[in-house]
Amino acid sequence: MTPSQTTPQPGDRLVAAIETQTVAIERAMVKAFWIQLAGLTVIISVAMTAFVVVVKAG
């Protein structure tokens, strides 16, 4: 075993940080997608309800 195998290299911390950040970004994107989808669903529901009310009133 050489010392390079047991001692973490300076680049190892950078690689680990990048991987952690990438995973966090992916999770945030998935969460943002579902939030946007829920928001869009609410907006469409409100719009359809308003349309029905206007049509019945007219």
PDB file of N, CA and C in Angstrom:
ATOM      1  N   MET A   1       0.840  -1.185   0.000  1.00  0.00           N
ATOM      2  CA  MET A   1       0.000   0.000   0.000  1.00  0.00           C
ATOM      3  C   MET A   1       0.883   1.246   0.000  1.00  0.00           C
ATOM      4  N   THR A   2       0.600   2.129  -0.905  1.00  0.00           N
ATOM      5  CA  THR A   2       1.382   3.353  -0.960  1.00  0.00           C
ATOM      6  C   THR A   2       0.653   4.443  -0.177  1.00  0.00           C
ATOM      7  N   PRO A   3       1.360   5.472   0.265  1.00  0.00           N
ATOM      8  CA  PRO A   3       0.715   6.557   1.012  1.00  0.00           C
ATOM      9  C   PRO A   3      -0.406   7.247   0.237  1.00  0.00           C
ATOM     10  N   SER A   4      -0.309   7.246  -1.101  1.00  0.00           N
ATOM     11  CA  SER A   4      -1.342   7.908  -1.903  1.00  0.00           C
ATOM     12  C   SER A   4      -2.688   7.184  -1.799  1.00  0.00           C
ATOM     13  N   GLN A   5      -2.659   5.894  -1.475  1.00  0.00           N
ATOM     14  CA  GLN A   5      -3.904   5.141  -1.368  1.00  0.00           C
ATOM     15  C   GLN A   5      -4.589   5.380  -0.017  1.00  0.00           C
ATOM     16  N   THR A   6      -3.825   5.711   1.002  1.00  0.00           N
ATOM     17  CA  THR A   6      -4.412   5.909   2.328  1.00  0.00           C
ATOM     18  C   THR A   6      -4.670   7.379   2.627  1.00  0.00           C
ATOM     19  N   THR A   7      -3.892   8.265   2.014  1.00  0.00           N
ATOM     20  CA  THR A   7      -4.053   9.700   2.263  1.00  0.00           C
ATOM     21  C   THR A   7      -4.981  10.302   1.222  1.00  0.00           C
ATOM     22  N   PRO A   8      -6.039  10.980   1.656  1.00  0.00           N
ATOM     23  CA  PRO A   8      -6.924  11.625   0.674  1.00  0.00           C
ATOM     24  C   PRO A   8      -6.161  12.686  -0.115  1.00  0.00           C
ATOM     25  N   GLN A   9      -6.409  12.727  -1.378  1.00  0.00           N
ATOM     26  CA  GLN A   9      -5.769  13.713  -2.238  1.00  0.00           C
ATOM     27  C   GLN A   9      -6.599  15.000  -2.225  1.00  0.00           C
ATOM     28  N   PRO A  10      -5.956  16.145  -2.501  1.00  0.00           N
ATOM     29  CA  PRO A  10      -6.702  17.413  -2.517  1.00  0.00           C
ATOM     30  C   PRO A  10      -7.884  17.395  -3.481  1.00  0.00           C
ATOM     31  N   GLY A  11      -7.729  16.709  -4.592  1.00  0.00           N
ATOM     32  CA  GLY A  11      -8.802  16.641  -5.583  1.00  0.00           C
ATOM     33  C   GLY A  11      -9.982  15.806  -5.128  1.00  0.00           C
ATOM     34  N   ASP A  12      -9.746  14.877  -4.196  1.00  0.00           N
ATOM     35  CA  ASP A  12     -10.830  14.004  -3.724  1.00  0.00           C
ATOM     36  C   ASP A  12     -11.938  14.804  -3.048  1.00  0.00           C
ATOM     37  N   ARG A  13     -11.545  15.797  -2.254  1.00  0.00           N
ATOM     38  CA  ARG A  13     -12.557  16.623  -1.574  1.00  0.00           C
ATOM     39  C   ARG A  13     -13.367  17.414  -2.582  1.00  0.00           C
ATOM     40  N   LEU A  14     -12.701  17.892  -3.625  1.00  0.00           N
ATOM     41  CA  LEU A  14     -13.397  18.655  -4.666  1.00  0.00           C
ATOM     42  C   LEU A  14     -14.393  17.766  -5.401  1.00  0.00           C
ATOM     43  N   VAL A  15     -13.962  16.562  -5.743  1.00  0.00           N
ATOM     44  CA  VAL A  15     -14.845  15.618  -6.445  1.00  0.00           C
ATOM     45  C   VAL A  15     -16.048  15.281  -5.569  1.00  0.00           C
ATOM     46  N   ALA A  16     -15.813  15.033  -4.283  1.00  0.00           N
ATOM     47  CA  ALA A  16     -16.906  14.709  -3.364  1.00  0.00           C
ATOM     48  C   ALA A  16     -17.875  15.883  -3.240  1.00  0.00           C
ATOM     49  N   ALA A  17     -17.332  17.103  -3.177  1.00  0.00           N
ATOM     50  CA  ALA A  17     -18.180  18.291  -3.065  1.00  0.00           C
ATOM     51  C   ALA A  17     -19.023  18.470  -4.325  1.00  0.00           C
ATOM     52  N   ILE A  18     -18.429  18.248  -5.480  1.00  0.00           N
ATOM     53  CA  ILE A  18     -19.160  18.385  -6.746  1.00  0.00           C
ATOM     54  C   ILE A  18     -20.270  17.338  -6.835  1.00  0.00           C
ATOM     55  N   GLU A  19     -19.959  16.099  -6.426  1.00  0.00           N
ATOM     56  CA  GLU A  19     -20.971  15.040  -6.464  1.00  0.00           C
ATOM     57  C   GLU A  19     -22.127  15.360  -5.526  1.00  0.00           C
ATOM     58  N   THR A  20     -21.800  15.851  -4.335  1.00  0.00           N
ATOM     59  CA  THR A  20     -22.837  16.215  -3.364  1.00  0.00           C
ATOM     60  C   THR A  20     -23.708  17.331  -3.902  1.00  0.00           C
ATOM     61  N   GLN A  21     -23.075  18.323  -4.506  1.00  0.00           N
ATOM     62  CA  GLN A  21     -23.827  19.455  -5.053  1.00  0.00           C
ATOM     63  C   GLN A  21     -24.710  19.005  -6.223  1.00  0.00           C
ATOM     64  N   THR A  22     -24.188  18.110  -7.044  1.00  0.00           N
ATOM     65  CA  THR A  22     -24.958  17.604  -8.186  1.00  0.00           C
ATOM     66  C   THR A  22     -26.206  16.871  -7.714  1.00  0.00           C
ATOM     67  N   VAL A  23     -26.055  16.033  -6.693  1.00  0.00           N
ATOM     68  CA  VAL A  23     -27.206  15.304  -6.145  1.00  0.00           C
ATOM     69  C   VAL A  23     -28.221  16.287  -5.572  1.00  0.00           C
ATOM     70  N   ALA A  24     -27.739  17.307  -4.857  1.00  0.00           N
ATOM     71  CA  ALA A  24     -28.635  18.298  -4.263  1.00  0.00           C
ATOM     72  C   ALA A  24     -29.392  19.060  -5.348  1.00  0.00           C
ATOM     73  N   ILE A  25     -28.710  19.408  -6.430  1.00  0.00           N
ATOM     74  CA  ILE A  25     -29.355  20.128  -7.528  1.00  0.00           C
ATOM     75  C   ILE A  25     -30.419  19.248  -8.194  1.00  0.00           C
ATOM     76  N   GLU A  26     -30.099  17.965  -8.381  1.00  0.00           N
ATOM     77  CA  GLU A  26     -31.064  17.054  -8.998  1.00  0.00           C
ATOM     78  C   GLU A  26     -32.318  16.929  -8.134  1.00  0.00           C
ATOM     79  N   ARG A  27     -32.118  16.807  -6.825  1.00  0.00           N
ATOM     80  CA  ARG A  27     -33.270  16.704  -5.925  1.00  0.00           C
ATOM     81  C   ARG A  27     -34.090  17.984  -5.947  1.00  0.00           C
ATOM     82  N   ALA A  28     -33.407  19.118  -5.969  1.00  0.00           N
ATOM     83  CA  ALA A  28     -34.113  20.410  -5.998  1.00  0.00           C
ATOM     84  C   ALA A  28     -34.903  20.560  -7.293  1.00  0.00           C
ATOM     85  N   MET A  29     -34.354  20.074  -8.394  1.00  0.00           N
ATOM     86  CA  MET A  29     -35.052  20.175  -9.680  1.00  0.00           C
ATOM     87  C   MET A  29     -36.312  19.321  -9.669  1.00  0.00           C
ATOM     88  N   VAL A  30     -36.223  18.126  -9.084  1.00  0.00           N
ATOM     89  CA  VAL A  30     -37.392  17.246  -9.005  1.00  0.00           C
ATOM     90  C   VAL A  30     -38.464  17.889  -8.128  1.00  0.00           C
ATOM     91  N   LYS A  31     -38.043  18.450  -6.994  1.00  0.00           N
ATOM     92  CA  LYS A  31     -38.988  19.109  -6.093  1.00  0.00           C
ATOM     93  C   LYS A  31     -39.634  20.305  -6.789  1.00  0.00           C
ATOM     94  N   ALA A  32     -38.836  21.106  -7.482  1.00  0.00           N
ATOM     95  CA  ALA A  32     -39.360  22.275  -8.192  1.00  0.00           C
ATOM     96  C   ALA A  32     -40.345  21.849  -9.279  1.00  0.00           C
ATOM     97  N   PHE A  33     -40.062  20.742  -9.940  1.00  0.00           N
ATOM     98  CA  PHE A  33     -40.968  20.245 -10.976  1.00  0.00           C
ATOM     99  C   PHE A  33     -42.334  19.924 -10.389  1.00  0.00           C
ATOM    100  N   TRP A  34     -42.345  19.211  -9.265  1.00  0.00           N
ATOM    101  CA  TRP A  34     -43.624  18.830  -8.654  1.00  0.00           C
ATOM    102  C   TRP A  34     -44.373  20.051  -8.131  1.00  0.00           C
ATOM    103  N   ILE A  35     -43.636  21.022  -7.592  1.00  0.00           N
ATOM    104  CA  ILE A  35     -44.276  22.257  -7.119  1.00  0.00           C
ATOM    105  C   ILE A  35     -44.906  23.008  -8.291  1.00  0.00           C
ATOM    106  N   GLN A  36     -44.172  23.095  -9.400  1.00  0.00           N
ATOM    107  CA  GLN A  36     -44.703  23.767 -10.586  1.00  0.00           C
ATOM    108  C   GLN A  36     -45.919  23.024 -11.135  1.00  0.00           C
ATOM    109  N   LEU A  37     -45.852  21.703 -11.128  1.00  0.00           N
ATOM    110  CA  LEU A  37     -46.974  20.899 -11.625  1.00  0.00           C
ATOM    111  C   LEU A  37     -48.209  21.107 -10.747  1.00  0.00           C
ATOM    112  N   ALA A  38     -48.012  21.137  -9.434  1.00  0.00           N
ATOM    113  CA  ALA A  38     -49.134  21.377  -8.524  1.00  0.00           C
ATOM    114  C   ALA A  38     -49.709  22.774  -8.737  1.00  0.00           C
ATOM    115  N   GLY A  39     -48.837  23.762  -8.892  1.00  0.00           N
ATOM    116  CA  GLY A  39     -49.293  25.127  -9.139  1.00  0.00           C
ATOM    117  C   GLY A  39     -50.075  25.234 -10.436  1.00  0.00           C
ATOM    118  N   LEU A  40     -49.581  24.580 -11.461  1.00  0.00           N
ATOM    119  CA  LEU A  40     -50.267  24.602 -12.754  1.00  0.00           C
ATOM    120  C   LEU A  40     -51.635  23.937 -12.642  1.00  0.00           C
ATOM    121  N   THR A  41     -51.716  22.857 -11.891  1.00  0.00           N
ATOM    122  CA  THR A  41     -52.988  22.164 -11.690  1.00  0.00           C
ATOM    123  C   THR A  41     -53.999  23.075 -11.001  1.00  0.00           C
ATOM    124  N   VAL A  42     -53.549  23.794  -9.989  1.00  0.00           N
ATOM    125  CA  VAL A  42     -54.439  24.724  -9.281  1.00  0.00           C
ATOM    126  C   VAL A  42     -54.905  25.829 -10.215  1.00  0.00           C
ATOM    127  N   ILE A  43     -53.978  26.394 -10.984  1.00  0.00           N
ATOM    128  CA  ILE A  43     -54.334  27.472 -11.911  1.00  0.00           C
ATOM    129  C   ILE A  43     -55.350  26.996 -12.943  1.00  0.00           C
ATOM    130  N   ILE A  44     -55.149  25.806 -13.487  1.00  0.00           N
ATOM    131  CA  ILE A  44     -56.078  25.270 -14.486  1.00  0.00           C
ATOM    132  C   ILE A  44     -57.449  25.025 -13.855  1.00  0.00           C
ATOM    133  N   SER A  45     -57.452  24.498 -12.637  1.00  0.00           N
ATOM    134  CA  SER A  45     -58.728  24.251 -11.954  1.00  0.00           C
ATOM    135  C   SER A  45     -59.495  25.548 -11.739  1.00  0.00           C
ATOM    136  N   VAL A  46     -58.808  26.571 -11.289  1.00  0.00           N
ATOM    137  CA  VAL A  46     -59.450  27.872 -11.063  1.00  0.00           C
ATOM    138  C   VAL A  46     -59.961  28.438 -12.382  1.00  0.00           C
ATOM    139  N   ALA A  47     -59.155  28.329 -13.425  1.00  0.00           N
ATOM    140  CA  ALA A  47     -59.558  28.853 -14.734  1.00  0.00           C
ATOM    141  C   ALA A  47     -60.787  28.110 -15.265  1.00  0.00           C
ATOM    142  N   MET A  48     -60.816  26.798 -15.117  1.00  0.00           N
ATOM    143  CA  MET A  48     -61.966  26.022 -15.592  1.00  0.00           C
ATOM    144  C   MET A  48     -63.209  26.374 -14.791  1.00  0.00           C
ATOM    145  N   THR A  49     -63.059  26.522 -13.482  1.00  0.00           N
ATOM    146  CA  THR A  49     -64.202  26.907 -12.645  1.00  0.00           C
ATOM    147  C   THR A  49     -64.733  28.274 -13.050  1.00  0.00           C
ATOM    148  N   ALA A  50     -63.834  29.220 -13.260  1.00  0.00           N
ATOM    149  CA  ALA A  50     -64.246  30.562 -13.666  1.00  0.00           C
ATOM    150  C   ALA A  50     -64.947  30.515 -15.026  1.00  0.00           C
ATOM    151  N   PHE A  51     -64.447  29.710 -15.928  1.00  0.00           N
ATOM    152  CA  PHE A  51     -65.057  29.572 -17.252  1.00  0.00           C
ATOM    153  C   PHE A  51     -66.476  29.025 -17.140  1.00  0.00           C
ATOM    154  N   VAL A  52     -66.655  28.000 -16.320  1.00  0.00           N
ATOM    155  CA  VAL A  52     -67.974  27.398 -16.139  1.00  0.00           C
ATOM    156  C   VAL A  52     -68.940  28.420 -15.532  1.00  0.00           C
ATOM    157  N   VAL A  53     -68.493  29.168 -14.552  1.00  0.00           N
ATOM    158  CA  VAL A  53     -69.323  30.188 -13.917  1.00  0.00           C
ATOM    159  C   VAL A  53     -69.737  31.248 -14.929  1.00  0.00           C
ATOM    160  N   VAL A  54     -68.804  31.686 -15.751  1.00  0.00           N
ATOM    161  CA  VAL A  54     -69.097  32.713 -16.761  1.00  0.00           C
ATOM    162  C   VAL A  54     -70.078  32.166 -17.799  1.00  0.00           C
ATOM    163  N   VAL A  55     -69.876  30.933 -18.229  1.00  0.00           N
ATOM    164  CA  VAL A  55     -70.763  30.346 -19.238  1.00  0.00           C
ATOM    165  C   VAL A  55     -72.169  30.183 -18.679  1.00  0.00           C
ATOM    166  N   LYS A  56     -72.289  29.715 -17.438  1.00  0.00           N
ATOM    167  CA  LYS A  56     -73.622  29.536 -16.833  1.00  0.00           C
ATOM    168  C   LYS A  56     -74.303  30.891 -16.610  1.00  0.00           C
ATOM    169  N   ALA A  57     -73.515  31.897 -16.265  1.00  0.00           N
ATOM    170  CA  ALA A  57     -74.091  33.224 -16.020  1.00  0.00           C
ATOM    171  C   ALA A  57     -74.548  33.879 -17.323  1.00  0.00           C
ATOM    172  N   GLY A  58     -73.876  33.537 -18.413  1.00  0.00           N
ATOM    173  CA  GLY A  58     -74.193  34.174 -19.698  1.00  0.00           C
ATOM    174  C   GLY A  58     -75.357  33.505 -20.331  1.00  0.00           C
TER     175      GLY A  58
END
